[in-house]
Protein backbone atom coordinates (compact mmCIF):
# COMPACT_ATOMS: atom_id res chain seq x y z
CA UNK A 1 -6.75 -23.09 -17.46
CA UNK A 2 -5.30 -26.42 -18.14
CA UNK A 3 -3.24 -26.85 -21.37
CA UNK A 4 -0.54 -29.02 -22.98
CA UNK A 5 2.70 -27.87 -24.65
CA UNK A 6 6.07 -28.79 -25.54
CA UNK A 7 8.54 -28.95 -22.56
CA UNK A 8 11.91 -30.27 -23.13
CA UNK A 9 11.47 -33.69 -25.06
CA UNK A 10 7.99 -34.36 -24.68
CA UNK A 11 4.37 -33.00 -23.87
CA UNK A 12 3.48 -31.03 -20.53
CA UNK A 13 0.74 -30.54 -18.72
CA UNK A 14 0.47 -26.74 -17.05
CA UNK A 15 -2.00 -24.57 -15.89
CA UNK A 16 -2.34 -20.99 -17.13
CA UNK A 17 -3.78 -18.66 -14.93
CA UNK A 18 -3.72 -15.61 -12.82
CA UNK A 19 -4.52 -14.35 -9.57
CA UNK A 20 -6.29 -11.05 -8.25
CA UNK A 21 -6.70 -9.64 -4.77
CA UNK A 22 -9.11 -6.77 -4.37
CA UNK A 23 -8.61 -4.30 -1.35
CA UNK A 24 -11.18 -2.83 0.42
CA UNK A 25 -12.32 0.00 -1.55
CA UNK A 26 -12.18 -2.29 -4.60
CA UNK A 27 -14.37 -4.55 -2.90
CA UNK A 28 -16.91 -1.78 -2.24
CA UNK A 29 -16.39 -0.59 -5.82
CA UNK A 30 -17.77 -3.78 -6.95
CA UNK A 31 -20.60 -4.02 -4.38
CA UNK A 32 -22.04 -0.85 -6.22
CA UNK A 33 -21.52 -2.74 -9.47
CA UNK A 34 -19.18 -0.76 -10.69
CA UNK A 35 -15.88 -1.96 -12.82
CA UNK A 36 -12.71 -2.93 -11.08
CA UNK A 37 -9.84 -2.80 -13.15
CA UNK A 38 -6.78 -4.58 -11.62
CA UNK A 39 -3.23 -5.71 -13.22
CA UNK A 40 -3.07 -9.42 -13.78
CA UNK A 41 -0.63 -11.48 -11.45
CA UNK A 42 0.49 -14.24 -14.41
CA UNK A 43 1.71 -17.56 -13.76
CA UNK A 44 2.31 -21.04 -15.48
CA UNK A 45 2.23 -24.25 -13.00
CA UNK A 46 3.23 -27.96 -14.11
CA UNK A 47 0.88 -30.91 -13.11
CA UNK A 48 2.79 -31.33 -9.65
CA UNK A 49 1.85 -27.65 -8.91
CA UNK A 50 5.42 -26.02 -8.96
CA UNK A 51 5.57 -22.68 -10.68
CA UNK A 52 7.43 -22.54 -14.12
CA UNK A 53 6.89 -18.87 -14.07
CA UNK A 54 7.57 -16.43 -12.64
CA UNK A 55 11.17 -17.54 -11.12
CA UNK A 56 14.01 -15.70 -11.10
CA UNK A 57 16.00 -15.25 -14.68
CA UNK A 58 13.13 -16.44 -16.57
CA UNK A 59 10.85 -15.04 -18.84
CA UNK A 60 7.63 -15.88 -20.43
CA UNK A 61 5.60 -14.44 -23.57
CA UNK A 62 2.20 -14.52 -24.00
CA UNK A 63 0.68 -14.19 -27.60
CA UNK A 64 -3.24 -13.49 -28.44
CA UNK A 65 -3.70 -14.82 -31.72
CA UNK A 66 -5.37 -12.73 -33.66
CA UNK A 67 -7.28 -14.97 -35.39
CA UNK A 68 -8.91 -16.17 -32.41
CA UNK A 69 -8.77 -19.58 -30.93
CA UNK A 70 -5.50 -19.93 -29.09
CA UNK A 71 -3.24 -18.52 -26.73
CA UNK A 72 0.37 -18.67 -27.43
CA UNK A 73 2.61 -19.05 -24.30
CA UNK A 74 6.32 -18.58 -25.01
CA UNK A 75 8.35 -19.72 -21.74
CA UNK A 76 11.98 -18.61 -22.07
CA UNK A 77 14.82 -19.82 -19.40
CA UNK A 78 18.28 -19.62 -18.87
CA UNK A 79 20.74 -22.42 -19.21
CA UNK A 80 23.83 -21.53 -17.15
CA UNK A 81 26.84 -23.58 -15.78
CA UNK A 82 29.77 -22.35 -13.53
CA UNK A 83 29.65 -20.40 -10.60
CA UNK A 84 32.85 -19.06 -8.84
CA UNK A 85 32.88 -18.20 -5.01
CA UNK A 86 30.21 -15.55 -4.68
CA UNK A 87 30.82 -14.00 -7.76
CA UNK A 88 28.30 -15.36 -10.61
CA UNK A 89 29.94 -16.23 -13.87
CA UNK A 90 28.56 -17.94 -16.91
CA UNK A 91 30.88 -20.44 -19.06
CA UNK A 92 28.60 -20.92 -21.52
CA UNK A 93 24.68 -19.34 -21.37
CA UNK A 94 22.16 -19.64 -23.70
CA UNK A 95 18.11 -19.08 -24.16
CA UNK A 96 15.96 -22.26 -24.30
CA UNK A 97 12.67 -21.53 -25.36
CA UNK A 98 9.50 -23.46 -24.89
CA UNK A 99 5.88 -22.93 -26.29
CA UNK A 100 2.22 -23.72 -24.60
CA UNK A 101 -0.44 -23.68 -27.17
CA UNK A 102 -3.35 -23.36 -25.08
CA UNK A 103 -7.08 -23.38 -26.83
CA UNK A 104 -10.07 -21.96 -25.05
CA UNK A 105 -13.52 -21.40 -27.26
CA UNK A 106 -13.74 -17.71 -25.10
CA UNK A 107 -10.74 -16.68 -27.24
CA UNK A 108 -12.27 -14.83 -29.77
CA UNK A 109 -11.12 -12.93 -32.62
CA UNK A 110 -9.87 -9.45 -31.43
CA UNK A 111 -6.66 -7.41 -30.28
CA UNK A 112 -3.67 -9.15 -29.62
CA UNK A 113 -2.15 -9.47 -26.02
CA UNK A 114 1.16 -9.29 -25.42
CA UNK A 115 2.71 -9.77 -21.76
CA UNK A 116 6.66 -10.27 -21.90
CA UNK A 117 8.85 -10.08 -18.96
CA UNK A 118 12.20 -10.65 -20.39
CA UNK A 119 15.69 -9.08 -19.51
CA UNK A 120 17.58 -9.64 -16.70
CA UNK A 121 21.10 -7.46 -15.95
CA UNK A 122 23.99 -8.66 -13.42
CA UNK A 123 26.65 -6.68 -13.43
CA UNK A 124 27.95 -5.67 -17.06
CA UNK A 125 26.15 -8.91 -18.45
CA UNK A 126 22.90 -9.05 -20.12
CA UNK A 127 21.24 -12.38 -19.28
CA UNK A 128 18.07 -12.16 -21.83
CA UNK A 129 17.25 -10.29 -24.89
CA UNK A 130 15.71 -7.00 -23.86
CA UNK A 131 11.58 -6.94 -24.02
CA UNK A 132 9.28 -4.04 -22.98
CA UNK A 133 6.75 -5.66 -20.26
CA UNK A 134 3.19 -5.07 -20.93
CA UNK A 135 1.18 -5.35 -18.69
CA UNK A 136 -2.42 -7.25 -19.00
CA UNK A 137 -5.45 -6.06 -17.12
CA UNK A 138 -8.39 -7.21 -16.15
CA UNK A 139 -11.86 -6.04 -15.54
CA UNK A 140 -14.25 -7.14 -12.74
CA UNK A 141 -17.85 -6.64 -12.13
CA UNK A 142 -20.74 -8.62 -10.16
CA UNK A 143 -22.63 -10.55 -13.14
CA UNK A 144 -26.08 -12.64 -12.00
CA UNK A 145 -26.90 -12.98 -8.48
CA UNK A 146 -29.00 -15.96 -6.57
CA UNK A 147 -30.85 -14.29 -3.37
CA UNK A 148 -31.06 -16.23 -0.64
CA UNK A 149 -34.58 -17.17 1.04
CA UNK A 150 -34.17 -14.85 4.15
CA UNK A 151 -33.22 -12.18 1.68
CA UNK A 152 -30.13 -10.80 3.61
CA UNK A 153 -27.90 -12.81 1.67
CA UNK A 154 -27.11 -13.08 -2.07
CA UNK A 155 -24.10 -15.03 -4.24
CA UNK A 156 -23.02 -13.42 -7.08
CA UNK A 157 -20.60 -14.64 -10.22
CA UNK A 158 -18.30 -12.46 -11.05
CA UNK A 159 -17.81 -11.24 -14.77
CA UNK A 160 -14.30 -10.98 -15.83
CA UNK A 161 -12.90 -10.01 -18.97
CA UNK A 162 -9.43 -8.68 -20.26
CA UNK A 163 -9.21 -5.08 -20.30
CA UNK A 164 -8.83 -3.52 -24.20
CA UNK A 165 -10.12 -6.93 -25.46
CA UNK A 166 -13.10 -8.91 -26.25
CA UNK A 167 -11.30 -11.99 -24.04
CA UNK A 168 -14.32 -13.21 -21.45
CA UNK A 169 -12.98 -15.47 -18.67
CA UNK A 170 -16.33 -15.67 -16.66
CA UNK A 171 -17.04 -18.84 -17.05
CA UNK A 172 -13.05 -20.00 -15.71
CA UNK A 173 -13.60 -17.91 -12.48
CA UNK A 174 -13.62 -20.19 -9.58
CA UNK A 175 -14.67 -17.47 -6.91
CA UNK A 176 -18.01 -16.16 -6.19
CA UNK A 177 -18.85 -13.03 -4.41
CA UNK A 178 -20.99 -13.61 -1.47
CA UNK A 179 -22.78 -10.35 0.08
CA UNK A 180 -24.97 -9.92 2.87
CA UNK A 181 -27.23 -7.06 3.71
CA UNK A 182 -28.36 -5.85 7.04
């Protein structure tokens, strides 16, 4: 899901997305038309395909706009100077915050989503402001299926929604379920 946001002094094209892997038991549950709920692995990538987040000592805050229409992604990274030997020390440290505002029609008015991953500690130093991590989970179901002529195979779209909200990401899902019948 590409979007453009401020990055440093200019605009930066990024991809906001997530990855979900199903194990064998979850795949069986999906085939029985049951819902599968999974914790989402969230990532931000730049236009070169490199991950902006997650990285060591970085944070992200994803806030669902309560009025609908946009998702605010705040990317936080640490500026550091000075390392002495194997002991990590900082002459100066500060937080820089960059916001990406992504708009999709699928974002309807509903409950907020907050995903916060801030907070890292090294020795007695607290580098980030404290924040509680809120896990975002997705519900996955089989949607419309197309049967092949031989009747032994089918391909199904996946219905993907965010648990506890009205966010429907189904038309952004690139994978399809391929079924074989014996």
